[in-house]
Amino acid sequence: MALIKFYAAARQFAKQREIEVMISNKDELFSELNNVGSSQLTKLAEISTFLINGKRFSLDEINEIRNSDVIEMLPPFAGG
């Protein structure tokens, strides 16, 4: 199973730190995010950065997901 880890606002909307899911592509990822959180989580996913096994991807760049993948959802962070 793929492991999805949530950070910052994503964790707040998901109401959990991580989930394990059976997914193989970005459409299934998006569907799982919709199932886990509110519509706020899926909207946040559209502007978030994802790390898959430590490599950076936008949602549009994600193609194949393997069961052994660790996916980290990083929403935009405020800073200064």
PDB file of N, CA and C in Angstrom:
ATOM      1  N   MET A   1       0.838  -1.188   0.000  1.00  0.00           N
ATOM      2  CA  MET A   1       0.000   0.000   0.000  1.00  0.00           C
ATOM      3  C   MET A   1       0.881   1.249   0.000  1.00  0.00           C
ATOM      4  N   ALA A   2       0.448   2.255  -0.715  1.00  0.00           N
ATOM      5  CA  ALA A   2       1.153   3.534  -0.717  1.00  0.00           C
ATOM      6  C   ALA A   2       0.813   4.271   0.579  1.00  0.00           C
ATOM      7  N   LEU A   3       1.771   5.020   1.068  1.00  0.00           N
ATOM      8  CA  LEU A   3       1.596   5.790   2.291  1.00  0.00           C
ATOM      9  C   LEU A   3       1.530   7.268   1.926  1.00  0.00           C
ATOM     10  N   ILE A   4       0.465   7.947   2.333  1.00  0.00           N
ATOM     11  CA  ILE A   4       0.333   9.386   2.116  1.00  0.00           C
ATOM     12  C   ILE A   4       0.497  10.072   3.462  1.00  0.00           C
ATOM     13  N   LYS A   5       1.454  11.004   3.532  1.00  0.00           N
ATOM     14  CA  LYS A   5       1.697  11.777   4.745  1.00  0.00           C
ATOM     15  C   LYS A   5       1.231  13.205   4.511  1.00  0.00           C
ATOM     16  N   PHE A   6       0.580  13.766   5.527  1.00  0.00           N
ATOM     17  CA  PHE A   6       0.046  15.114   5.437  1.00  0.00           C
ATOM     18  C   PHE A   6       0.821  16.058   6.343  1.00  0.00           C
ATOM     19  N   TYR A   7       1.032  17.289   5.865  1.00  0.00           N
ATOM     20  CA  TYR A   7       1.743  18.301   6.639  1.00  0.00           C
ATOM     21  C   TYR A   7       0.935  19.597   6.659  1.00  0.00           C
ATOM     22  N   ALA A   8       1.134  20.369   7.727  1.00  0.00           N
ATOM     23  CA  ALA A   8       0.565  21.708   7.876  1.00  0.00           C
ATOM     24  C   ALA A   8      -0.953  21.692   7.644  1.00  0.00           C
ATOM     25  N   ALA A   9      -1.449  22.566   6.776  1.00  0.00           N
ATOM     26  CA  ALA A   9      -2.890  22.674   6.548  1.00  0.00           C
ATOM     27  C   ALA A   9      -3.482  21.369   6.013  1.00  0.00           C
ATOM     28  N   ALA A  10      -2.709  20.610   5.245  1.00  0.00           N
ATOM     29  CA  ALA A  10      -3.208  19.323   4.732  1.00  0.00           C
ATOM     30  C   ALA A  10      -3.537  18.388   5.889  1.00  0.00           C
ATOM     31  N   ARG A  11      -2.682  18.385   6.912  1.00  0.00           N
ATOM     32  CA  ARG A  11      -2.937  17.544   8.087  1.00  0.00           C
ATOM     33  C   ARG A  11      -4.195  18.017   8.803  1.00  0.00           C
ATOM     34  N   GLN A  12      -4.368  19.315   8.886  1.00  0.00           N
ATOM     35  CA  GLN A  12      -5.550  19.876   9.538  1.00  0.00           C
ATOM     36  C   GLN A  12      -6.826  19.435   8.817  1.00  0.00           C
ATOM     37  N   PHE A  13      -6.837  19.506   7.495  1.00  0.00           N
ATOM     38  CA  PHE A  13      -8.033  19.129   6.738  1.00  0.00           C
ATOM     39  C   PHE A  13      -8.252  17.615   6.719  1.00  0.00           C
ATOM     40  N   ALA A  14      -7.169  16.843   6.690  1.00  0.00           N
ATOM     41  CA  ALA A  14      -7.284  15.380   6.684  1.00  0.00           C
ATOM     42  C   ALA A  14      -7.619  14.831   8.073  1.00  0.00           C
ATOM     43  N   LYS A  15      -7.295  15.612   9.101  1.00  0.00           N
ATOM     44  CA  LYS A  15      -7.531  15.218  10.492  1.00  0.00           C
ATOM     45  C   LYS A  15      -6.753  13.965  10.884  1.00  0.00           C
ATOM     46  N   GLN A  16      -5.630  13.757  10.210  1.00  0.00           N
ATOM     47  CA  GLN A  16      -4.726  12.654  10.543  1.00  0.00           C
ATOM     48  C   GLN A  16      -3.370  12.921   9.916  1.00  0.00           C
ATOM     49  N   ARG A  17      -2.357  12.236  10.433  1.00  0.00           N
ATOM     50  CA  ARG A  17      -0.989  12.448   9.954  1.00  0.00           C
ATOM     51  C   ARG A  17      -0.702  11.720   8.650  1.00  0.00           C
ATOM     52  N   GLU A  18      -1.284  10.539   8.502  1.00  0.00           N
ATOM     53  CA  GLU A  18      -0.990   9.728   7.318  1.00  0.00           C
ATOM     54  C   GLU A  18      -2.064   8.673   7.117  1.00  0.00           C
ATOM     55  N   ILE A  19      -2.109   8.160   5.891  1.00  0.00           N
ATOM     56  CA  ILE A  19      -3.027   7.070   5.558  1.00  0.00           C
ATOM     57  C   ILE A  19      -2.312   6.103   4.610  1.00  0.00           C
ATOM     58  N   GLU A  20      -2.729   4.871   4.623  1.00  0.00           N
ATOM     59  CA  GLU A  20      -2.248   3.880   3.659  1.00  0.00           C
ATOM     60  C   GLU A  20      -3.380   3.598   2.680  1.00  0.00           C
ATOM     61  N   VAL A  21      -3.048   3.614   1.392  1.00  0.00           N
ATOM     62  CA  VAL A  21      -4.075   3.450   0.359  1.00  0.00           C
ATOM     63  C   VAL A  21      -3.563   2.578  -0.781  1.00  0.00           C
ATOM     64  N   MET A  22      -4.498   1.966  -1.484  1.00  0.00           N
ATOM     65  CA  MET A  22      -4.193   1.206  -2.697  1.00  0.00           C
ATOM     66  C   MET A  22      -4.539   2.095  -3.881  1.00  0.00           C
ATOM     67  N   ILE A  23      -3.532   2.737  -4.457  1.00  0.00           N
ATOM     68  CA  ILE A  23      -3.737   3.623  -5.600  1.00  0.00           C
ATOM     69  C   ILE A  23      -2.640   3.377  -6.620  1.00  0.00           C
ATOM     70  N   SER A  24      -2.906   3.750  -7.879  1.00  0.00           N
ATOM     71  CA  SER A  24      -1.894   3.530  -8.918  1.00  0.00           C
ATOM     72  C   SER A  24      -1.670   4.748  -9.812  1.00  0.00           C
ATOM     73  N   ASN A  25      -2.453   5.820  -9.613  1.00  0.00           N
ATOM     74  CA  ASN A  25      -2.281   7.013 -10.452  1.00  0.00           C
ATOM     75  C   ASN A  25      -2.823   8.247  -9.733  1.00  0.00           C
ATOM     76  N   LYS A  26      -2.646   9.413 -10.364  1.00  0.00           N
ATOM     77  CA  LYS A  26      -3.055  10.657  -9.705  1.00  0.00           C
ATOM     78  C   LYS A  26      -4.566  10.783  -9.557  1.00  0.00           C
ATOM     79  N   ASP A  27      -5.341  10.204 -10.459  1.00  0.00           N
ATOM     80  CA  ASP A  27      -6.798  10.262 -10.318  1.00  0.00           C
ATOM     81  C   ASP A  27      -7.251   9.514  -9.067  1.00  0.00           C
ATOM     82  N   GLU A  28      -6.648   8.362  -8.835  1.00  0.00           N
ATOM     83  CA  GLU A  28      -6.972   7.594  -7.631  1.00  0.00           C
ATOM     84  C   GLU A  28      -6.468   8.315  -6.382  1.00  0.00           C
ATOM     85  N   LEU A  29      -5.314   8.960  -6.480  1.00  0.00           N
ATOM     86  CA  LEU A  29      -4.803   9.765  -5.368  1.00  0.00           C
ATOM     87  C   LEU A  29      -5.794  10.867  -5.023  1.00  0.00           C
ATOM     88  N   PHE A  30      -6.237  11.594  -6.030  1.00  0.00           N
ATOM     89  CA  PHE A  30      -7.182  12.690  -5.829  1.00  0.00           C
ATOM     90  C   PHE A  30      -8.486  12.172  -5.228  1.00  0.00           C
ATOM     91  N   SER A  31      -8.950  11.028  -5.682  1.00  0.00           N
ATOM     92  CA  SER A  31     -10.168  10.425  -5.148  1.00  0.00           C
ATOM     93  C   SER A  31     -10.001  10.075  -3.665  1.00  0.00           C
ATOM     94  N   GLU A  32      -8.862   9.519  -3.306  1.00  0.00           N
ATOM     95  CA  GLU A  32      -8.603   9.179  -1.904  1.00  0.00           C
ATOM     96  C   GLU A  32      -8.535  10.426  -1.037  1.00  0.00           C
ATOM     97  N   LEU A  33      -7.916  11.488  -1.566  1.00  0.00           N
ATOM     98  CA  LEU A  33      -7.858  12.742  -0.813  1.00  0.00           C
ATOM     99  C   LEU A  33      -9.260  13.284  -0.586  1.00  0.00           C
ATOM    100  N   ASN A  34     -10.114  13.143  -1.573  1.00  0.00           N
ATOM    101  CA  ASN A  34     -11.505  13.579  -1.442  1.00  0.00           C
ATOM    102  C   ASN A  34     -12.236  12.750  -0.388  1.00  0.00           C
ATOM    103  N   ASN A  35     -11.949  11.451  -0.343  1.00  0.00           N
ATOM    104  CA  ASN A  35     -12.588  10.569   0.637  1.00  0.00           C
ATOM    105  C   ASN A  35     -12.132  10.872   2.054  1.00  0.00           C
ATOM    106  N   VAL A  36     -10.870  11.229   2.209  1.00  0.00           N
ATOM    107  CA  VAL A  36     -10.275  11.437   3.528  1.00  0.00           C
ATOM    108  C   VAL A  36     -10.672  12.770   4.138  1.00  0.00           C
ATOM    109  N   GLY A  37     -10.626  13.802   3.341  1.00  0.00           N
ATOM    110  CA  GLY A  37     -10.841  15.145   3.873  1.00  0.00           C
ATOM    111  C   GLY A  37     -12.057  15.800   3.273  1.00  0.00           C
ATOM    112  N   SER A  38     -12.142  17.040   3.562  1.00  0.00           N
ATOM    113  CA  SER A  38     -13.223  17.838   3.009  1.00  0.00           C
ATOM    114  C   SER A  38     -12.827  18.292   1.607  1.00  0.00           C
ATOM    115  N   SER A  39     -13.708  19.043   0.994  1.00  0.00           N
ATOM    116  CA  SER A  39     -13.359  19.609  -0.311  1.00  0.00           C
ATOM    117  C   SER A  39     -12.162  20.545  -0.178  1.00  0.00           C
ATOM    118  N   GLN A  40     -11.925  21.050   1.019  1.00  0.00           N
ATOM    119  CA  GLN A  40     -10.767  21.914   1.252  1.00  0.00           C
ATOM    120  C   GLN A  40      -9.464  21.162   1.004  1.00  0.00           C
ATOM    121  N   LEU A  41      -9.415  19.897   1.359  1.00  0.00           N
ATOM    122  CA  LEU A  41      -8.200  19.101   1.145  1.00  0.00           C
ATOM    123  C   LEU A  41      -7.934  18.905  -0.338  1.00  0.00           C
ATOM    124  N   THR A  42      -8.961  18.617  -1.116  1.00  0.00           N
ATOM    125  CA  THR A  42      -8.745  18.425  -2.554  1.00  0.00           C
ATOM    126  C   THR A  42      -8.384  19.738  -3.235  1.00  0.00           C
ATOM    127  N   LYS A  43      -8.961  20.846  -2.789  1.00  0.00           N
ATOM    128  CA  LYS A  43      -8.574  22.149  -3.339  1.00  0.00           C
ATOM    129  C   LYS A  43      -7.122  22.463  -2.996  1.00  0.00           C
ATOM    130  N   LEU A  44      -6.724  22.123  -1.783  1.00  0.00           N
ATOM    131  CA  LEU A  44      -5.347  22.352  -1.355  1.00  0.00           C
ATOM    132  C   LEU A  44      -4.377  21.481  -2.164  1.00  0.00           C
ATOM    133  N   ALA A  45      -4.799  20.280  -2.511  1.00  0.00           N
ATOM    134  CA  ALA A  45      -3.951  19.381  -3.300  1.00  0.00           C
ATOM    135  C   ALA A  45      -3.601  19.991  -4.651  1.00  0.00           C
ATOM    136  N   GLU A  46      -4.507  20.753  -5.214  1.00  0.00           N
ATOM    137  CA  GLU A  46      -4.283  21.344  -6.530  1.00  0.00           C
ATOM    138  C   GLU A  46      -3.133  22.348  -6.535  1.00  0.00           C
ATOM    139  N   ILE A  47      -2.823  22.939  -5.383  1.00  0.00           N
ATOM    140  CA  ILE A  47      -1.747  23.927  -5.314  1.00  0.00           C
ATOM    141  C   ILE A  47      -0.569  23.451  -4.458  1.00  0.00           C
ATOM    142  N   SER A  48      -0.630  22.209  -4.021  1.00  0.00           N
ATOM    143  CA  SER A  48       0.427  21.655  -3.171  1.00  0.00           C
ATOM    144  C   SER A  48       1.561  21.059  -3.988  1.00  0.00           C
ATOM    145  N   THR A  49       2.660  20.878  -3.313  1.00  0.00           N
ATOM    146  CA  THR A  49       3.781  20.119  -3.850  1.00  0.00           C
ATOM    147  C   THR A  49       3.716  18.736  -3.232  1.00  0.00           C
ATOM    148  N   PHE A  50       4.070  17.729  -4.008  1.00  0.00           N
ATOM    149  CA  PHE A  50       4.096  16.361  -3.506  1.00  0.00           C
ATOM    150  C   PHE A  50       5.515  15.834  -3.613  1.00  0.00           C
ATOM    151  N   LEU A  51       5.948  15.134  -2.591  1.00  0.00           N
ATOM    152  CA  LEU A  51       7.195  14.386  -2.648  1.00  0.00           C
ATOM    153  C   LEU A  51       6.809  12.921  -2.743  1.00  0.00           C
ATOM    154  N   ILE A  52       7.336  12.250  -3.743  1.00  0.00           N
ATOM    155  CA  ILE A  52       7.130  10.804  -3.865  1.00  0.00           C
ATOM    156  C   ILE A  52       8.499  10.177  -3.751  1.00  0.00           C
ATOM    157  N   ASN A  53       8.682   9.460  -2.648  1.00  0.00           N
ATOM    158  CA  ASN A  53       9.985   8.866  -2.332  1.00  0.00           C
ATOM    159  C   ASN A  53      11.087   9.925  -2.371  1.00  0.00           C
ATOM    160  N   GLY A  54      10.756  11.123  -1.892  1.00  0.00           N
ATOM    161  CA  GLY A  54      11.721  12.206  -1.789  1.00  0.00           C
ATOM    162  C   GLY A  54      11.902  13.054  -3.027  1.00  0.00           C
ATOM    163  N   LYS A  55      11.248  12.716  -4.130  1.00  0.00           N
ATOM    164  CA  LYS A  55      11.359  13.486  -5.366  1.00  0.00           C
ATOM    165  C   LYS A  55      10.135  14.388  -5.520  1.00  0.00           C
ATOM    166  N   ARG A  56      10.368  15.645  -5.891  1.00  0.00           N
ATOM    167  CA  ARG A  56       9.316  16.662  -5.966  1.00  0.00           C
ATOM    168  C   ARG A  56       8.460  16.523  -7.227  1.00  0.00           C
ATOM    169  N   PHE A  57       7.116  16.657  -7.029  1.00  0.00           N
ATOM    170  CA  PHE A  57       6.149  16.626  -8.124  1.00  0.00           C
ATOM    171  C   PHE A  57       5.025  17.603  -7.817  1.00  0.00           C
ATOM    172  N   SER A  58       4.450  18.212  -8.850  1.00  0.00           N
ATOM    173  CA  SER A  58       3.161  18.883  -8.697  1.00  0.00           C
ATOM    174  C   SER A  58       2.103  17.813  -8.967  1.00  0.00           C
ATOM    175  N   LEU A  59       0.864  18.095  -8.656  1.00  0.00           N
ATOM    176  CA  LEU A  59      -0.201  17.116  -8.889  1.00  0.00           C
ATOM    177  C   LEU A  59      -0.262  16.721 -10.365  1.00  0.00           C
ATOM    178  N   ASP A  60      -0.063  17.682 -11.261  1.00  0.00           N
ATOM    179  CA  ASP A  60      -0.126  17.406 -12.699  1.00  0.00           C
ATOM    180  C   ASP A  60       1.007  16.514 -13.195  1.00  0.00           C
ATOM    181  N   GLU A  61       2.112  16.473 -12.472  1.00  0.00           N
ATOM    182  CA  GLU A  61       3.264  15.686 -12.894  1.00  0.00           C
ATOM    183  C   GLU A  61       3.219  14.235 -12.428  1.00  0.00           C
ATOM    184  N   ILE A  62       2.277  13.914 -11.552  1.00  0.00           N
ATOM    185  CA  ILE A  62       2.194  12.560 -11.019  1.00  0.00           C
ATOM    186  C   ILE A  62       1.525  11.649 -12.044  1.00  0.00           C
ATOM    187  N   ASN A  63       2.187  10.582 -12.395  1.00  0.00           N
ATOM    188  CA  ASN A  63       1.615   9.603 -13.320  1.00  0.00           C
ATOM    189  C   ASN A  63       1.373   8.291 -12.606  1.00  0.00           C
ATOM    190  N   GLU A  64       2.382   7.497 -12.487  1.00  0.00           N
ATOM    191  CA  GLU A  64       2.260   6.178 -11.872  1.00  0.00           C
ATOM    192  C   GLU A  64       2.599   6.242 -10.387  1.00  0.00           C
ATOM    193  N   ILE A  65       1.825   5.531  -9.585  1.00  0.00           N
ATOM    194  CA  ILE A  65       2.089   5.397  -8.155  1.00  0.00           C
ATOM    195  C   ILE A  65       2.171   3.915  -7.850  1.00  0.00           C
ATOM    196  N   ARG A  66       3.236   3.534  -7.154  1.00  0.00           N
ATOM    197  CA  ARG A  66       3.427   2.128  -6.772  1.00  0.00           C
ATOM    198  C   ARG A  66       3.010   1.920  -5.315  1.00  0.00           C
ATOM    199  N   ASN A  67       2.676   0.689  -4.985  1.00  0.00           N
ATOM    200  CA  ASN A  67       2.247   0.371  -3.621  1.00  0.00           C
ATOM    201  C   ASN A  67       3.318   0.651  -2.580  1.00  0.00           C
ATOM    202  N   SER A  68       4.571   0.673  -2.975  1.00  0.00           N
ATOM    203  CA  SER A  68       5.662   0.922  -2.025  1.00  0.00           C
ATOM    204  C   SER A  68       5.988   2.404  -1.876  1.00  0.00           C
ATOM    205  N   ASP A  69       5.305   3.278  -2.612  1.00  0.00           N
ATOM    206  CA  ASP A  69       5.626   4.703  -2.597  1.00  0.00           C
ATOM    207  C   ASP A  69       5.207   5.387  -1.296  1.00  0.00           C
ATOM    208  N   VAL A  70       6.042   6.347  -0.895  1.00  0.00           N
ATOM    209  CA  VAL A  70       5.707   7.247   0.208  1.00  0.00           C
ATOM    210  C   VAL A  70       5.437   8.608  -0.425  1.00  0.00           C
ATOM    211  N   ILE A  71       4.219   9.102  -0.251  1.00  0.00           N
ATOM    212  CA  ILE A  71       3.775  10.359  -0.857  1.00  0.00           C
ATOM    213  C   ILE A  71       3.578  11.369   0.266  1.00  0.00           C
ATOM    214  N   GLU A  72       4.251  12.496   0.149  1.00  0.00           N
ATOM    215  CA  GLU A  72       4.119  13.543   1.153  1.00  0.00           C
ATOM    216  C   GLU A  72       3.451  14.750   0.503  1.00  0.00           C
ATOM    217  N   MET A  73       2.355  15.201   1.116  1.00  0.00           N
ATOM    218  CA  MET A  73       1.612  16.348   0.588  1.00  0.00           C
ATOM    219  C   MET A  73       2.047  17.596   1.337  1.00  0.00           C
ATOM    220  N   LEU A  74       2.680  18.514   0.610  1.00  0.00           N
ATOM    221  CA  LEU A  74       3.209  19.736   1.208  1.00  0.00           C
ATOM    222  C   LEU A  74       2.457  20.949   0.664  1.00  0.00           C
ATOM    223  N   PRO A  75       1.541  21.493   1.442  1.00  0.00           N
ATOM    224  CA  PRO A  75       0.829  22.686   0.981  1.00  0.00           C
ATOM    225  C   PRO A  75       1.767  23.885   0.981  1.00  0.00           C
ATOM    226  N   PRO A  76       1.364  24.964   0.318  1.00  0.00           N
ATOM    227  CA  PRO A  76       2.187  26.175   0.368  1.00  0.00           C
ATOM    228  C   PRO A  76       2.344  26.639   1.818  1.00  0.00           C
ATOM    229  N   PHE A  77       3.553  27.038   2.151  1.00  0.00           N
ATOM    230  CA  PHE A  77       3.839  27.500   3.513  1.00  0.00           C
ATOM    231  C   PHE A  77       3.976  29.016   3.503  1.00  0.00           C
ATOM    232  N   ALA A  78       3.498  29.650   4.544  1.00  0.00           N
ATOM    233  CA  ALA A  78       3.709  31.095   4.706  1.00  0.00           C
ATOM    234  C   ALA A  78       5.111  31.292   5.267  1.00  0.00           C
ATOM    235  N   GLY A  79       5.707  32.352   4.946  1.00  0.00           N
ATOM    236  CA  GLY A  79       7.039  32.614   5.475  1.00  0.00           C
ATOM    237  C   GLY A  79       7.406  34.059   5.290  1.00  0.00           C
ATOM    238  N   GLY A  80       8.553  34.371   5.762  1.00  0.00           N
ATOM    239  CA  GLY A  80       8.960  35.755   5.596  1.00  0.00           C
ATOM    240  C   GLY A  80      10.375  35.974   5.986  1.00  0.00           C
TER     241      GLY A  80
END
